[in-house]
Protein backbone atom coordinates (compact mmCIF):
# COMPACT_ATOMS: atom_id res chain seq x y z
CA MET A 1 -12.69 4.86 -26.59
CA ASN A 2 -9.51 5.02 -24.01
CA ASP A 3 -6.69 3.87 -25.72
CA TRP A 4 -4.14 5.38 -23.36
CA ILE A 5 -1.60 2.88 -21.17
CA ASP A 6 -1.50 4.22 -17.73
CA LEU A 7 1.64 3.05 -15.92
CA ARG A 8 1.84 5.78 -13.07
CA SER A 9 0.59 3.89 -10.41
CA ASP A 10 -1.87 0.94 -9.86
CA THR A 11 -4.21 3.25 -8.14
CA VAL A 12 -5.67 4.24 -11.53
CA THR A 13 -7.44 0.94 -11.83
CA ARG A 14 -10.90 1.07 -13.16
CA PRO A 15 -13.74 -1.06 -11.80
CA THR A 16 -14.27 -4.53 -14.05
CA PRO A 17 -18.19 -4.71 -15.51
CA ALA A 18 -18.45 -7.69 -12.81
CA MET A 19 -17.16 -5.28 -10.18
CA ARG A 20 -19.71 -2.93 -10.97
CA GLU A 21 -22.62 -5.62 -11.43
CA ALA A 22 -21.64 -6.54 -7.65
CA MET A 23 -21.57 -2.62 -6.67
CA LEU A 24 -25.29 -2.46 -8.28
CA ARG A 25 -26.69 -5.40 -6.42
CA ALA A 26 -25.03 -4.67 -2.82
CA GLU A 27 -27.30 -4.77 -0.13
CA VAL A 28 -26.80 -1.34 2.35
CA GLY A 29 -27.66 0.60 5.37
CA ASP A 30 -26.16 3.36 7.74
CA ASP A 31 -22.53 2.41 8.79
CA VAL A 32 -22.24 5.34 11.39
CA TYR A 33 -25.11 3.20 13.24
CA GLY A 34 -23.06 -0.17 11.93
CA GLU A 35 -26.09 -1.28 9.88
CA ASP A 36 -24.54 -1.66 6.59
CA PRO A 37 -24.74 -5.35 6.30
CA THR A 38 -22.14 -5.41 3.25
CA VAL A 39 -19.43 -3.29 4.98
CA ASN A 40 -20.06 -5.38 8.02
CA ALA A 41 -19.51 -8.36 5.82
CA LEU A 42 -16.31 -6.87 4.41
CA GLN A 43 -14.88 -6.20 7.77
CA ASP A 44 -15.62 -9.60 9.63
CA ARG A 45 -14.21 -11.45 6.38
CA LEU A 46 -10.97 -9.63 6.39
CA ALA A 47 -10.59 -9.89 10.26
CA ALA A 48 -11.14 -13.36 9.75
CA GLU A 49 -8.79 -14.15 6.93
CA LEU A 50 -6.07 -11.79 8.33
CA GLY A 51 -6.36 -13.42 11.97
CA PHE A 52 -7.78 -10.36 13.83
CA GLU A 53 -10.67 -9.89 15.99
CA ALA A 54 -12.08 -6.82 14.29
CA ALA A 55 -11.75 -4.67 11.43
CA LEU A 56 -12.96 -1.11 10.26
CA PHE A 57 -13.68 -0.13 6.39
CA VAL A 58 -12.24 3.54 5.71
CA PRO A 59 -12.20 5.83 2.94
CA SER A 60 -8.29 5.69 2.12
CA GLY A 61 -5.25 4.07 3.17
CA THR A 62 -4.01 7.38 4.76
CA GLN A 63 -7.09 7.29 7.06
CA SER A 64 -6.42 3.72 7.82
CA ASN A 65 -2.69 4.33 8.70
CA LEU A 66 -3.65 7.51 10.55
CA LEU A 67 -6.24 5.59 12.64
CA ALA A 68 -4.07 3.01 13.67
CA LEU A 69 -1.27 5.60 14.75
CA MET A 70 -3.78 7.47 16.51
CA SER A 71 -5.27 4.07 18.16
CA HIS A 72 -1.80 2.92 19.03
CA CYS A 73 -0.07 5.97 20.71
CA GLU A 74 -1.26 9.11 22.83
CA ARG A 75 -0.36 12.53 22.49
CA GLY A 76 3.53 12.84 22.77
CA ASP A 77 4.24 9.41 21.93
CA GLU A 78 6.67 8.29 19.08
CA TYR A 79 6.57 5.60 16.24
CA LEU A 80 9.49 4.50 14.14
CA VAL A 81 9.28 4.49 10.81
CA GLY A 82 11.16 4.33 7.80
CA MET A 83 12.71 7.32 6.31
CA ASP A 84 11.01 6.84 2.73
CA ALA A 85 8.11 4.96 4.34
CA HIS A 86 4.67 6.31 3.15
CA THR A 87 3.16 6.98 6.66
CA TYR A 88 5.81 9.25 7.21
CA LYS A 89 6.60 10.96 3.76
CA TYR A 90 3.66 10.88 1.81
CA GLU A 91 0.53 11.31 4.06
CA GLY A 92 0.71 14.91 5.10
CA GLY A 93 2.60 14.37 8.61
CA GLY A 94 -0.93 13.43 9.61
CA ALA A 95 0.28 11.53 12.75
CA ALA A 96 2.37 14.77 13.92
CA VAL A 97 -0.33 17.22 12.86
CA LEU A 98 -3.37 15.49 13.95
CA GLY A 99 -2.31 13.00 16.54
CA SER A 100 0.47 14.75 18.05
CA ILE A 101 2.79 11.45 17.44
CA GLN A 102 6.22 12.22 16.95
CA PRO A 103 7.93 10.38 13.97
CA GLN A 104 11.57 8.81 14.55
CA PRO A 105 12.57 8.00 10.77
CA VAL A 106 15.17 5.28 10.14
CA PRO A 107 16.87 4.69 6.75
CA HIS A 108 15.73 1.58 5.14
CA ALA A 109 18.19 -1.27 4.15
CA ASP A 110 18.05 -2.13 0.32
CA ASP A 111 15.77 -4.83 1.02
CA GLY A 112 13.05 -2.43 2.49
CA THR A 113 13.90 -3.53 5.94
CA LEU A 114 14.53 -1.12 8.83
CA PRO A 115 17.88 -2.36 10.55
CA LEU A 116 17.01 -3.87 14.17
CA ASP A 117 20.22 -2.51 15.68
CA ALA A 118 19.07 0.90 13.94
CA LEU A 119 15.69 0.98 15.27
CA ALA A 120 17.21 -0.10 18.69
CA SER A 121 19.57 2.53 19.18
CA VAL A 122 16.70 5.32 18.67
CA ILE A 123 14.41 4.04 21.09
CA LYS A 124 13.86 6.92 23.87
CA PRO A 125 14.97 6.21 27.27
CA VAL A 126 11.98 6.37 29.91
CA ASP A 127 12.37 10.06 31.11
CA PRO A 128 10.43 13.15 30.95
CA HIS A 129 12.92 14.69 28.44
CA PHE A 130 11.97 12.25 25.64
CA ALA A 131 8.81 11.41 23.85
CA ARG A 132 7.82 7.93 24.70
CA THR A 133 8.30 5.17 21.90
CA ARG A 134 5.29 3.06 21.40
CA LEU A 135 4.99 1.83 18.08
CA LEU A 136 7.17 0.39 14.80
CA CYS A 137 5.44 1.17 11.62
CA LEU A 138 6.78 -1.39 8.64
CA GLU A 139 5.46 -1.30 5.26
CA ASN A 140 5.10 -4.33 2.81
CA THR A 141 5.42 -3.90 -0.09
CA TRP A 142 8.11 -1.41 -0.06
CA HIS A 143 9.02 0.05 -3.51
CA GLY A 144 7.44 -3.09 -4.66
CA ARG A 145 9.62 -5.25 -2.68
CA PRO A 146 8.09 -8.10 -0.30
CA LEU A 147 9.88 -7.94 3.08
CA PRO A 148 11.61 -11.44 4.27
CA LEU A 149 9.19 -13.34 6.15
CA ASP A 150 12.27 -14.18 8.49
CA TYR A 151 12.78 -10.30 9.18
CA LEU A 152 9.06 -10.06 10.10
CA ALA A 153 9.42 -12.92 12.71
CA ALA A 154 12.26 -11.10 14.05
CA ALA A 155 10.51 -7.57 13.96
CA ARG A 156 7.74 -9.16 16.24
CA ARG A 157 10.21 -10.48 18.55
CA PHE A 158 12.18 -7.13 18.73
CA CYS A 159 8.94 -5.36 19.68
CA ALA A 160 8.01 -7.70 22.28
CA ALA A 161 11.34 -7.36 23.93
CA HIS A 162 10.99 -3.53 23.89
CA GLY A 163 7.37 -2.86 24.42
CA LEU A 164 6.71 -1.82 21.08
CA ALA A 165 3.17 -2.27 19.35
CA LEU A 166 4.00 -3.37 15.74
CA HIS A 167 1.44 -1.85 12.56
CA LEU A 168 1.68 -2.89 9.32
CA ASP A 169 1.21 -0.36 6.28
CA GLY A 170 -0.07 -3.36 3.97
CA ALA A 171 -1.28 -1.17 1.29
CA ARG A 172 -0.10 -3.93 -0.87
CA LEU A 173 -0.12 -6.80 1.36
CA TYR A 174 -1.81 -9.17 -1.25
CA ASN A 175 1.22 -8.32 -3.67
CA ALA A 176 3.68 -9.24 -1.05
CA ALA A 177 1.55 -12.56 -0.30
CA VAL A 178 1.33 -13.46 -3.88
CA ALA A 179 5.07 -12.90 -4.51
CA CYS A 180 6.03 -14.89 -1.51
CA GLY A 181 3.56 -17.70 -2.30
CA VAL A 182 2.12 -17.84 1.25
CA PRO A 183 -1.39 -16.53 2.40
CA ALA A 184 -1.79 -12.95 3.31
CA ARG A 185 -2.63 -14.23 7.14
CA GLU A 186 1.11 -15.69 6.97
CA ILE A 187 2.30 -11.95 6.80
CA ALA A 188 -0.33 -10.17 9.11
CA ARG A 189 0.08 -12.72 11.81
CA HIS A 190 3.26 -10.78 13.23
CA PHE A 191 1.47 -7.39 13.58
CA ASP A 192 -1.13 -5.89 16.19
CA SER A 193 -2.70 -4.01 13.50
CA VAL A 194 -3.02 -4.06 9.34
CA SER A 195 -3.94 -1.47 7.14
CA VAL A 196 -4.83 -3.48 3.53
CA CYS A 197 -5.65 -0.80 0.32
CA PHE A 198 -8.34 -2.06 -2.03
CA SER A 199 -7.82 0.50 -4.74
CA LYS A 200 -4.57 -0.07 -5.68
CA GLY A 201 -3.95 -3.83 -7.43
CA LEU A 202 -7.03 -5.19 -6.50
CA GLY A 203 -8.79 -2.69 -8.28
CA ALA A 204 -11.46 -1.56 -6.12
CA PRO A 205 -12.44 2.25 -6.65
CA VAL A 206 -12.34 3.31 -3.15
CA GLY A 207 -11.47 1.67 0.54
CA SER A 208 -9.01 0.51 3.08
CA VAL A 209 -9.41 -1.79 5.82
CA LEU A 210 -7.91 -1.29 9.27
CA ALA A 211 -7.59 -5.04 10.97
CA GLY A 212 -6.67 -5.15 14.66
CA SER A 213 -7.94 -6.16 18.22
CA ARG A 214 -11.21 -5.30 19.38
CA ALA A 215 -10.42 -2.63 21.53
CA LEU A 216 -8.29 -1.00 18.79
CA ILE A 217 -10.56 -0.94 16.22
CA GLY A 218 -13.15 0.51 18.74
CA LYS A 219 -10.78 3.19 19.09
CA ALA A 220 -10.22 3.74 15.52
CA ARG A 221 -13.85 3.99 14.77
CA ARG A 222 -14.07 7.02 16.99
CA TRP A 223 -10.88 8.33 15.53
CA ARG A 224 -12.58 7.92 12.01
CA LYS A 225 -15.68 9.74 13.22
CA VAL A 226 -13.21 12.73 14.44
CA ALA A 227 -11.58 12.71 11.17
CA GLY A 228 -14.61 13.11 8.80
CA GLY A 229 -14.64 9.52 7.45
CA GLY A 230 -17.85 8.24 9.04
CA TRP A 231 -19.70 7.41 5.70
CA ARG A 232 -23.53 6.04 5.33
CA GLN A 233 -24.40 3.67 2.60
CA ALA A 234 -20.92 2.47 1.93
CA GLY A 235 -22.07 -0.89 0.96
CA MET A 236 -21.62 -0.40 -2.47
CA LEU A 237 -17.97 0.54 -2.21
CA ALA A 238 -17.82 -2.59 0.33
CA ALA A 239 -19.07 -4.49 -2.30
CA ALA A 240 -16.12 -3.65 -4.95
CA CYS A 241 -13.49 -4.97 -1.91
CA LEU A 242 -15.44 -8.03 -1.54
CA HIS A 243 -15.32 -8.61 -5.04
CA ALA A 244 -11.97 -7.95 -5.24
CA LEU A 245 -11.21 -10.55 -2.69
CA ASP A 246 -12.79 -13.09 -4.77
CA HIS A 247 -11.69 -12.47 -8.25
CA HIS A 248 -8.47 -10.05 -7.85
CA VAL A 249 -6.01 -11.64 -5.53
CA ALA A 250 -4.73 -14.84 -7.59
CA ARG A 251 -4.10 -12.59 -10.52
CA LEU A 252 -1.80 -10.23 -9.20
CA ALA A 253 0.73 -12.56 -10.37
CA GLU A 254 0.04 -11.67 -13.80
CA ASP A 255 0.71 -7.96 -13.19
CA HIS A 256 4.30 -9.45 -11.61
CA ALA A 257 5.00 -11.33 -14.67
CA ARG A 258 4.04 -8.40 -17.03
CA ALA A 259 6.09 -6.24 -14.92
CA ALA A 260 8.94 -8.78 -15.07
CA ARG A 261 8.47 -9.18 -18.94
CA LEU A 262 8.72 -5.20 -19.25
CA ALA A 263 11.85 -5.10 -17.41
CA ALA A 264 13.39 -7.69 -19.37
CA GLY A 265 12.46 -5.96 -22.59
CA LEU A 266 13.83 -2.82 -21.56
CA ARG A 267 17.23 -4.30 -20.38
CA GLY A 268 20.01 -3.34 -22.80
CA LEU A 269 18.38 -0.40 -24.50
CA PRO A 270 21.21 2.30 -24.92
CA GLY A 271 20.68 5.44 -22.73
CA LEU A 272 18.38 3.65 -20.42
CA THR A 273 18.84 1.83 -17.05
CA VAL A 274 16.55 -0.76 -15.44
CA ALA A 275 17.16 -0.13 -12.05
CA GLY A 276 14.97 -2.73 -10.43
CA GLN A 277 11.83 -4.94 -10.88
CA HIS A 278 9.86 -6.00 -8.01
CA THR A 279 6.22 -7.28 -7.85
CA GLY A 280 4.52 -5.06 -10.27
CA MET A 281 6.85 -2.28 -10.34
CA VAL A 282 9.44 -1.39 -12.63
CA PHE A 283 11.86 1.10 -12.05
CA ILE A 284 14.05 2.83 -14.85
CA GLU A 285 16.55 5.40 -14.93
CA VAL A 286 16.55 8.16 -18.09
CA PRO A 287 19.17 11.10 -18.48
CA ALA A 288 17.91 13.96 -16.76
CA GLU A 289 18.82 16.07 -20.04
CA ARG A 290 16.61 13.59 -22.04
CA LEU A 291 13.25 13.43 -19.79
CA PRO A 292 11.57 16.47 -21.60
CA ALA A 293 11.89 14.67 -24.91
CA PHE A 294 11.11 11.46 -23.66
CA LYS A 295 8.13 12.53 -21.81
CA ALA A 296 6.64 14.04 -24.96
CA HIS A 297 7.41 10.70 -27.08
CA MET A 298 5.53 9.16 -24.71
CA GLU A 299 2.59 11.16 -24.34
CA ALA A 300 2.46 11.10 -28.30
CA ALA A 301 2.56 7.32 -28.04
CA ARG A 302 -0.64 7.74 -25.45
CA ILE A 303 1.48 6.18 -22.73
CA ARG A 304 1.18 7.80 -19.36
CA LEU A 305 4.38 7.48 -17.09
CA SER A 306 5.09 9.77 -13.85
CA ILE A 307 7.97 11.64 -15.14
CA GLY A 308 8.85 14.32 -13.20
CA TYR A 309 12.63 16.19 -12.83
CA LEU A 310 14.29 13.15 -11.18
CA PRO A 311 15.77 10.50 -13.35
CA THR A 312 14.52 7.75 -11.88
CA ILE A 313 10.76 6.76 -12.84
CA ARG A 314 8.49 4.06 -11.48
CA MET A 315 6.17 1.89 -13.96
CA VAL A 316 3.44 -0.36 -12.22
CA THR A 317 1.54 -2.81 -13.83
CA HIS A 318 -2.10 -3.38 -12.85
CA LEU A 319 -5.40 -5.22 -14.32
CA ASP A 320 -5.82 -2.49 -16.81
CA ILE A 321 -2.52 -3.32 -18.37
CA ASP A 322 -2.49 -6.71 -20.72
CA ASP A 323 0.08 -8.13 -22.91
CA ALA A 324 -0.91 -6.12 -25.73
CA GLY A 325 -0.30 -3.02 -23.45
CA ILE A 326 3.33 -4.16 -22.54
CA GLU A 327 4.26 -4.58 -26.40
CA ARG A 328 3.00 -1.15 -27.30
CA THR A 329 5.15 0.30 -24.13
CA LEU A 330 8.32 -1.67 -25.38
CA ALA A 331 7.83 -0.40 -29.10
CA ALA A 332 7.61 3.10 -27.91
CA PHE A 333 10.55 2.67 -25.76
CA ARG A 334 12.45 1.00 -28.47
CA GLU A 335 11.56 3.83 -31.01
CA PHE A 336 12.89 6.48 -28.56
CA PHE A 337 16.18 4.79 -27.51
CA ARG A 338 17.20 2.95 -30.80
């Protein structure tokens, strides 16, 4: 029996029995030929729900974002991106390595937005000396923070004024939608393309979807093949994503509530700082000299945390964390910091 509590990330979720059953029943075909009916159903459904013409099912969020960047931009183009954004910092430099697309990073504001005046100051003039600025890439949520809805509208107007396309790394789009109390479409409508990850809070084992115009998705499908992302009977994986859309979106509010309960229970412990709680994420700070002992203590309590050499630790709630898991975690913290 697996009695570990794993708070490292919402990527560690395991398919529920009902999701496994949906995968078992999935009708399948060859998706490289466009003949997998369950993949097609997922793509059509997400495109319709988010307000786009088409969508493409791909193995990972990293590949989904890469395909978007390579479909919006050409060699020698540039995209504007947050300095701590996933597409810039945590995806292996794929846009530059594989797409010859130059990133122009901009520091995030505390709420996860990219200040529009800072973005305007780094747009390149039309001149052979410079890369061509073509795209703005935002991330929602960012460190668990949903981007303000009025900012998204302002970013859309900014891109229109400067002739830029607008892409959303919406790996946790549904967390943002649930937290803001709006349909995901209300967020997606501001963008030219949106990437959604199903293997985080939505609990599917594999897969992301890129949505956009029919022309953009046509380009992305070709780049998916070039990047080795063509797959065959992928309907079993698409079925997990369809099940997640049906059953795991509204319940994200439970993850957010448990994260809030965890943060509240940790506040006031001597020697521990709660740096913030946003949607399903809790950020704490532990003195660096205590990290080795803290890591050993939590592992002895069979609680997995992403503890490295930095004092800031992120904990993420998800569908494999129940109320009892939160209480066990709080008890282990209290024992160490009492």
